[in-house]
Amino acid sequence: MSREEIEGMFGLSDLKQTRVYQEGREEGKEEGRQEGRMEAKLEAISQLLALGLTTEQIAQALDLEVEQVRQAANMQK
């Protein structure tokens, strides 16, 4: 069923009270938080590289894999 069909059956306020809606909303919020944390880490990588830290040191400090740091560093070049 489409979102419109479901809204028509329940009404928007009823839909927002369902467990499925609430769980989906929380999952969306968590994904947004995770993306925000990753963006902050990616920004920090360039700053830490500029300070002369190695990719291994950065990976350890930011709790990332070394390959993730390398990929981010290569994207910034």
PDB file of N, CA and C in Angstrom:
ATOM      1  N   MET A   1       0.833  -1.181   0.000  1.00  0.00           N
ATOM      2  CA  MET A   1       0.000   0.000   0.000  1.00  0.00           C
ATOM      3  C   MET A   1       0.881   1.249   0.000  1.00  0.00           C
ATOM      4  N   SER A   2       0.387   2.275  -0.613  1.00  0.00           N
ATOM      5  CA  SER A   2       1.134   3.525  -0.629  1.00  0.00           C
ATOM      6  C   SER A   2       0.891   4.276   0.678  1.00  0.00           C
ATOM      7  N   ARG A   3       1.718   5.220   0.938  1.00  0.00           N
ATOM      8  CA  ARG A   3       1.579   6.045   2.134  1.00  0.00           C
ATOM      9  C   ARG A   3       0.219   6.747   2.149  1.00  0.00           C
ATOM     10  N   GLU A   4      -0.191   7.235   0.984  1.00  0.00           N
ATOM     11  CA  GLU A   4      -1.470   7.938   0.893  1.00  0.00           C
ATOM     12  C   GLU A   4      -2.639   7.016   1.233  1.00  0.00           C
ATOM     13  N   GLU A   5      -2.562   5.778   0.764  1.00  0.00           N
ATOM     14  CA  GLU A   5      -3.625   4.826   1.062  1.00  0.00           C
ATOM     15  C   GLU A   5      -3.691   4.514   2.552  1.00  0.00           C
ATOM     16  N   ILE A   6      -2.536   4.355   3.149  1.00  0.00           N
ATOM     17  CA  ILE A   6      -2.493   4.062   4.587  1.00  0.00           C
ATOM     18  C   ILE A   6      -3.003   5.264   5.378  1.00  0.00           C
ATOM     19  N   GLU A   7      -2.567   6.474   5.001  1.00  0.00           N
ATOM     20  CA  GLU A   7      -3.054   7.675   5.674  1.00  0.00           C
ATOM     21  C   GLU A   7      -4.572   7.792   5.549  1.00  0.00           C
ATOM     22  N   GLY A   8      -5.099   7.452   4.383  1.00  0.00           N
ATOM     23  CA  GLY A   8      -6.537   7.501   4.173  1.00  0.00           C
ATOM     24  C   GLY A   8      -7.279   6.530   5.070  1.00  0.00           C
ATOM     25  N   MET A   9      -6.690   5.372   5.324  1.00  0.00           N
ATOM     26  CA  MET A   9      -7.328   4.378   6.167  1.00  0.00           C
ATOM     27  C   MET A   9      -7.322   4.788   7.640  1.00  0.00           C
ATOM     28  N   PHE A  10      -6.217   5.314   8.094  1.00  0.00           N
ATOM     29  CA  PHE A  10      -6.060   5.604   9.513  1.00  0.00           C
ATOM     30  C   PHE A  10      -6.249   7.070   9.877  1.00  0.00           C
ATOM     31  N   GLY A  11      -5.976   7.934   8.961  1.00  0.00           N
ATOM     32  CA  GLY A  11      -5.890   9.341   9.302  1.00  0.00           C
ATOM     33  C   GLY A  11      -4.475   9.597   9.779  1.00  0.00           C
ATOM     34  N   LEU A  12      -3.918  10.728   9.480  1.00  0.00           N
ATOM     35  CA  LEU A  12      -2.510  11.011   9.771  1.00  0.00           C
ATOM     36  C   LEU A  12      -2.211  10.937  11.261  1.00  0.00           C
ATOM     37  N   SER A  13      -3.080  11.475  12.101  1.00  0.00           N
ATOM     38  CA  SER A  13      -2.810  11.449  13.539  1.00  0.00           C
ATOM     39  C   SER A  13      -2.811  10.020  14.071  1.00  0.00           C
ATOM     40  N   ASP A  14      -3.719   9.182  13.554  1.00  0.00           N
ATOM     41  CA  ASP A  14      -3.734   7.780  13.975  1.00  0.00           C
ATOM     42  C   ASP A  14      -2.467   7.071  13.518  1.00  0.00           C
ATOM     43  N   LEU A  15      -2.035   7.367  12.317  1.00  0.00           N
ATOM     44  CA  LEU A  15      -0.838   6.741  11.771  1.00  0.00           C
ATOM     45  C   LEU A  15       0.382   7.060  12.629  1.00  0.00           C
ATOM     46  N   LYS A  16       0.487   8.294  13.080  1.00  0.00           N
ATOM     47  CA  LYS A  16       1.642   8.709  13.885  1.00  0.00           C
ATOM     48  C   LYS A  16       1.681   8.022  15.242  1.00  0.00           C
ATOM     49  N   GLN A  17       0.582   7.471  15.678  1.00  0.00           N
ATOM     50  CA  GLN A  17       0.523   6.780  16.966  1.00  0.00           C
ATOM     51  C   GLN A  17       0.911   5.307  16.864  1.00  0.00           C
ATOM     52  N   THR A  18       1.047   4.788  15.661  1.00  0.00           N
ATOM     53  CA  THR A  18       1.348   3.363  15.515  1.00  0.00           C
ATOM     54  C   THR A  18       2.792   3.065  15.869  1.00  0.00           C
ATOM     55  N   ARG A  19       3.033   1.847  16.316  1.00  0.00           N
ATOM     56  CA  ARG A  19       4.376   1.404  16.676  1.00  0.00           C
ATOM     57  C   ARG A  19       5.299   1.431  15.458  1.00  0.00           C
ATOM     58  N   VAL A  20       4.784   1.023  14.324  1.00  0.00           N
ATOM     59  CA  VAL A  20       5.586   0.999  13.099  1.00  0.00           C
ATOM     60  C   VAL A  20       6.059   2.400  12.748  1.00  0.00           C
ATOM     61  N   TYR A  21       5.167   3.370  12.835  1.00  0.00           N
ATOM     62  CA  TYR A  21       5.538   4.759  12.529  1.00  0.00           C
ATOM     63  C   TYR A  21       6.593   5.241  13.520  1.00  0.00           C
ATOM     64  N   GLN A  22       6.376   5.002  14.797  1.00  0.00           N
ATOM     65  CA  GLN A  22       7.310   5.460  15.824  1.00  0.00           C
ATOM     66  C   GLN A  22       8.687   4.812  15.652  1.00  0.00           C
ATOM     67  N   GLU A  23       8.700   3.507  15.366  1.00  0.00           N
ATOM     68  CA  GLU A  23       9.979   2.818  15.160  1.00  0.00           C
ATOM     69  C   GLU A  23      10.686   3.354  13.922  1.00  0.00           C
ATOM     70  N   GLY A  24       9.939   3.571  12.856  1.00  0.00           N
ATOM     71  CA  GLY A  24      10.539   4.114  11.637  1.00  0.00           C
ATOM     72  C   GLY A  24      11.107   5.496  11.866  1.00  0.00           C
ATOM     73  N   ARG A  25      10.386   6.291  12.612  1.00  0.00           N
ATOM     74  CA  ARG A  25      10.850   7.642  12.916  1.00  0.00           C
ATOM     75  C   ARG A  25      12.141   7.603  13.732  1.00  0.00           C
ATOM     76  N   GLU A  26      12.193   6.731  14.742  1.00  0.00           N
ATOM     77  CA  GLU A  26      13.401   6.613  15.559  1.00  0.00           C
ATOM     78  C   GLU A  26      14.585   6.106  14.738  1.00  0.00           C
ATOM     79  N   GLU A  27      14.320   5.158  13.843  1.00  0.00           N
ATOM     80  CA  GLU A  27      15.390   4.654  12.976  1.00  0.00           C
ATOM     81  C   GLU A  27      15.927   5.783  12.101  1.00  0.00           C
ATOM     82  N   GLY A  28      15.048   6.602  11.583  1.00  0.00           N
ATOM     83  CA  GLY A  28      15.468   7.734  10.764  1.00  0.00           C
ATOM     84  C   GLY A  28      16.306   8.725  11.547  1.00  0.00           C
ATOM     85  N   LYS A  29      15.899   8.985  12.770  1.00  0.00           N
ATOM     86  CA  LYS A  29      16.666   9.904  13.623  1.00  0.00           C
ATOM     87  C   LYS A  29      18.060   9.347  13.893  1.00  0.00           C
ATOM     88  N   GLU A  30      18.123   8.050  14.200  1.00  0.00           N
ATOM     89  CA  GLU A  30      19.418   7.435  14.503  1.00  0.00           C
ATOM     90  C   GLU A  30      20.327   7.463  13.279  1.00  0.00           C
ATOM     91  N   GLU A  31      19.775   7.194  12.107  1.00  0.00           N
ATOM     92  CA  GLU A  31      20.581   7.255  10.886  1.00  0.00           C
ATOM     93  C   GLU A  31      21.116   8.664  10.676  1.00  0.00           C
ATOM     94  N   GLY A  32      20.295   9.657  10.951  1.00  0.00           N
ATOM     95  CA  GLY A  32      20.736  11.043  10.825  1.00  0.00           C
ATOM     96  C   GLY A  32      21.855  11.373  11.793  1.00  0.00           C
ATOM     97  N   ARG A  33      21.746  10.880  13.026  1.00  0.00           N
ATOM     98  CA  ARG A  33      22.811  11.115  14.011  1.00  0.00           C
ATOM     99  C   ARG A  33      24.111  10.449  13.565  1.00  0.00           C
ATOM    100  N   GLN A  34      24.006   9.223  13.067  1.00  0.00           N
ATOM    101  CA  GLN A  34      25.200   8.507  12.624  1.00  0.00           C
ATOM    102  C   GLN A  34      25.858   9.221  11.451  1.00  0.00           C
ATOM    103  N   GLU A  35      25.056   9.705  10.513  1.00  0.00           N
ATOM    104  CA  GLU A  35      25.612  10.438   9.371  1.00  0.00           C
ATOM    105  C   GLU A  35      26.296  11.714   9.836  1.00  0.00           C
ATOM    106  N   GLY A  36      25.702  12.387  10.793  1.00  0.00           N
ATOM    107  CA  GLY A  36      26.291  13.604  11.326  1.00  0.00           C
ATOM    108  C   GLY A  36      27.615  13.338  12.009  1.00  0.00           C
ATOM    109  N   ARG A  37      27.688  12.251  12.767  1.00  0.00           N
ATOM    110  CA  ARG A  37      28.951  11.894  13.429  1.00  0.00           C
ATOM    111  C   ARG A  37      30.018  11.565  12.398  1.00  0.00           C
ATOM    112  N   MET A  38      29.633  10.852  11.341  1.00  0.00           N
ATOM    113  CA  MET A  38      30.618  10.491  10.324  1.00  0.00           C
ATOM    114  C   MET A  38      31.103  11.736   9.591  1.00  0.00           C
ATOM    115  N   GLU A  39      30.212  12.657   9.294  1.00  0.00           N
ATOM    116  CA  GLU A  39      30.622  13.898   8.626  1.00  0.00           C
ATOM    117  C   GLU A  39      31.600  14.672   9.498  1.00  0.00           C
ATOM    118  N   ALA A  40      31.354  14.708  10.791  1.00  0.00           N
ATOM    119  CA  ALA A  40      32.259  15.405  11.705  1.00  0.00           C
ATOM    120  C   ALA A  40      33.627  14.728  11.724  1.00  0.00           C
ATOM    121  N   LYS A  41      33.624  13.396  11.707  1.00  0.00           N
ATOM    122  CA  LYS A  41      34.894  12.675  11.687  1.00  0.00           C
ATOM    123  C   LYS A  41      35.653  12.944  10.390  1.00  0.00           C
ATOM    124  N   LEU A  42      34.932  12.985   9.272  1.00  0.00           N
ATOM    125  CA  LEU A  42      35.592  13.241   7.994  1.00  0.00           C
ATOM    126  C   LEU A  42      36.195  14.642   7.959  1.00  0.00           C
ATOM    127  N   GLU A  43      35.518  15.603   8.537  1.00  0.00           N
ATOM    128  CA  GLU A  43      36.069  16.954   8.610  1.00  0.00           C
ATOM    129  C   GLU A  43      37.307  16.975   9.497  1.00  0.00           C
ATOM    130  N   ALA A  44      37.273  16.220  10.574  1.00  0.00           N
ATOM    131  CA  ALA A  44      38.410  16.181  11.498  1.00  0.00           C
ATOM    132  C   ALA A  44      39.636  15.552  10.845  1.00  0.00           C
ATOM    133  N   ILE A  45      39.426  14.625   9.936  1.00  0.00           N
ATOM    134  CA  ILE A  45      40.557  13.961   9.287  1.00  0.00           C
ATOM    135  C   ILE A  45      41.460  14.971   8.603  1.00  0.00           C
ATOM    136  N   SER A  46      40.894  15.878   7.843  1.00  0.00           N
ATOM    137  CA  SER A  46      41.727  16.854   7.138  1.00  0.00           C
ATOM    138  C   SER A  46      42.469  17.742   8.122  1.00  0.00           C
ATOM    139  N   GLN A  47      41.833  18.104   9.214  1.00  0.00           N
ATOM    140  CA  GLN A  47      42.487  18.942  10.212  1.00  0.00           C
ATOM    141  C   GLN A  47      43.629  18.203  10.899  1.00  0.00           C
ATOM    142  N   LEU A  48      43.391  16.937  11.202  1.00  0.00           N
ATOM    143  CA  LEU A  48      44.427  16.151  11.865  1.00  0.00           C
ATOM    144  C   LEU A  48      45.592  15.851  10.930  1.00  0.00           C
ATOM    145  N   LEU A  49      45.297  15.636   9.664  1.00  0.00           N
ATOM    146  CA  LEU A  49      46.378  15.449   8.689  1.00  0.00           C
ATOM    147  C   LEU A  49      47.223  16.721   8.587  1.00  0.00           C
ATOM    148  N   ALA A  50      46.565  17.867   8.610  1.00  0.00           N
ATOM    149  CA  ALA A  50      47.280  19.141   8.534  1.00  0.00           C
ATOM    150  C   ALA A  50      48.188  19.339   9.743  1.00  0.00           C
ATOM    151  N   LEU A  51      47.833  18.740  10.869  1.00  0.00           N
ATOM    152  CA  LEU A  51      48.664  18.829  12.068  1.00  0.00           C
ATOM    153  C   LEU A  51      49.823  17.838  12.039  1.00  0.00           C
ATOM    154  N   GLY A  52      49.823  16.966  11.033  1.00  0.00           N
ATOM    155  CA  GLY A  52      50.929  16.034  10.874  1.00  0.00           C
ATOM    156  C   GLY A  52      50.710  14.659  11.465  1.00  0.00           C
ATOM    157  N   LEU A  53      49.494  14.333  11.887  1.00  0.00           N
ATOM    158  CA  LEU A  53      49.228  13.007  12.415  1.00  0.00           C
ATOM    159  C   LEU A  53      49.210  11.991  11.282  1.00  0.00           C
ATOM    160  N   THR A  54      49.569  10.772  11.590  1.00  0.00           N
ATOM    161  CA  THR A  54      49.545   9.705  10.592  1.00  0.00           C
ATOM    162  C   THR A  54      48.118   9.168  10.452  1.00  0.00           C
ATOM    163  N   THR A  55      47.898   8.447   9.370  1.00  0.00           N
ATOM    164  CA  THR A  55      46.569   7.865   9.175  1.00  0.00           C
ATOM    165  C   THR A  55      46.244   6.878  10.293  1.00  0.00           C
ATOM    166  N   GLU A  56      47.244   6.177  10.780  1.00  0.00           N
ATOM    167  CA  GLU A  56      47.028   5.225  11.871  1.00  0.00           C
ATOM    168  C   GLU A  56      46.627   5.948  13.153  1.00  0.00           C
ATOM    169  N   GLN A  57      47.291   7.060  13.451  1.00  0.00           N
ATOM    170  CA  GLN A  57      46.953   7.831  14.645  1.00  0.00           C
ATOM    171  C   GLN A  57      45.539   8.399  14.547  1.00  0.00           C
ATOM    172  N   ILE A  58      45.191   8.882  13.371  1.00  0.00           N
ATOM    173  CA  ILE A  58      43.859   9.451  13.163  1.00  0.00           C
ATOM    174  C   ILE A  58      42.795   8.373  13.301  1.00  0.00           C
ATOM    175  N   ALA A  59      43.050   7.223  12.701  1.00  0.00           N
ATOM    176  CA  ALA A  59      42.091   6.111  12.793  1.00  0.00           C
ATOM    177  C   ALA A  59      41.856   5.730  14.251  1.00  0.00           C
ATOM    178  N   GLN A  60      42.908   5.661  15.012  1.00  0.00           N
ATOM    179  CA  GLN A  60      42.776   5.303  16.419  1.00  0.00           C
ATOM    180  C   GLN A  60      42.026   6.396  17.188  1.00  0.00           C
ATOM    181  N   ALA A  61      42.361   7.650  16.932  1.00  0.00           N
ATOM    182  CA  ALA A  61      41.724   8.749  17.658  1.00  0.00           C
ATOM    183  C   ALA A  61      40.238   8.864  17.345  1.00  0.00           C
ATOM    184  N   LEU A  62      39.861   8.593  16.096  1.00  0.00           N
ATOM    185  CA  LEU A  62      38.472   8.758  15.675  1.00  0.00           C
ATOM    186  C   LEU A  62      37.682   7.456  15.656  1.00  0.00           C
ATOM    187  N   ASP A  63      38.317   6.368  16.084  1.00  0.00           N
ATOM    188  CA  ASP A  63      37.681   5.050  16.105  1.00  0.00           C
ATOM    189  C   ASP A  63      37.182   4.666  14.711  1.00  0.00           C
ATOM    190  N   LEU A  64      38.095   4.784  13.744  1.00  0.00           N
ATOM    191  CA  LEU A  64      37.817   4.418  12.360  1.00  0.00           C
ATOM    192  C   LEU A  64      38.826   3.380  11.910  1.00  0.00           C
ATOM    193  N   GLU A  65      38.527   2.734  10.791  1.00  0.00           N
ATOM    194  CA  GLU A  65      39.497   1.844  10.171  1.00  0.00           C
ATOM    195  C   GLU A  65      40.519   2.704   9.429  1.00  0.00           C
ATOM    196  N   VAL A  66      41.759   2.227   9.364  1.00  0.00           N
ATOM    197  CA  VAL A  66      42.815   2.960   8.665  1.00  0.00           C
ATOM    198  C   VAL A  66      42.418   3.208   7.216  1.00  0.00           C
ATOM    199  N   GLU A  67      41.791   2.221   6.591  1.00  0.00           N
ATOM    200  CA  GLU A  67      41.385   2.371   5.196  1.00  0.00           C
ATOM    201  C   GLU A  67      40.349   3.482   5.032  1.00  0.00           C
ATOM    202  N   GLN A  68      39.464   3.647   6.011  1.00  0.00           N
ATOM    203  CA  GLN A  68      38.488   4.740   5.948  1.00  0.00           C
ATOM    204  C   GLN A  68      39.193   6.094   5.965  1.00  0.00           C
ATOM    205  N   VAL A  69      40.211   6.204   6.784  1.00  0.00           N
ATOM    206  CA  VAL A  69      40.975   7.458   6.872  1.00  0.00           C
ATOM    207  C   VAL A  69      41.704   7.702   5.556  1.00  0.00           C
ATOM    208  N   ARG A  70      42.295   6.662   5.007  1.00  0.00           N
ATOM    209  CA  ARG A  70      43.007   6.814   3.737  1.00  0.00           C
ATOM    210  C   ARG A  70      42.067   7.256   2.616  1.00  0.00           C
ATOM    211  N   GLN A  71      40.915   6.631   2.555  1.00  0.00           N
ATOM    212  CA  GLN A  71      39.939   6.996   1.526  1.00  0.00           C
ATOM    213  C   GLN A  71      39.487   8.444   1.677  1.00  0.00           C
ATOM    214  N   ALA A  72      39.233   8.857   2.893  1.00  0.00           N
ATOM    215  CA  ALA A  72      38.805  10.234   3.137  1.00  0.00           C
ATOM    216  C   ALA A  72      39.918  11.207   2.775  1.00  0.00           C
ATOM    217  N   ALA A  73      41.145  10.846   3.098  1.00  0.00           N
ATOM    218  CA  ALA A  73      42.282  11.715   2.781  1.00  0.00           C
ATOM    219  C   ALA A  73      42.448  11.836   1.271  1.00  0.00           C
ATOM    220  N   ASN A  74      42.272  10.745   0.553  1.00  0.00           N
ATOM    221  CA  ASN A  74      42.401  10.777  -0.906  1.00  0.00           C
ATOM    222  C   ASN A  74      41.293  11.573  -1.556  1.00  0.00           C
ATOM    223  N   MET A  75      40.105  11.553  -0.981  1.00  0.00           N
ATOM    224  CA  MET A  75      38.981  12.313  -1.533  1.00  0.00           C
ATOM    225  C   MET A  75      39.211  13.816  -1.361  1.00  0.00           C
ATOM    226  N   GLN A  76      39.964  14.206  -0.366  1.00  0.00           N
ATOM    227  CA  GLN A  76      40.177  15.614  -0.084  1.00  0.00           C
ATOM    228  C   GLN A  76      41.306  16.207  -0.918  1.00  0.00           C
ATOM    229  N   LYS A  77      42.072  15.373  -1.579  1.00  0.00           N
ATOM    230  CA  LYS A  77      43.196  15.869  -2.385  1.00  0.00           C
ATOM    231  C   LYS A  77      42.729  16.404  -3.693  1.00  0.00           C
TER     232      LYS A  77
END
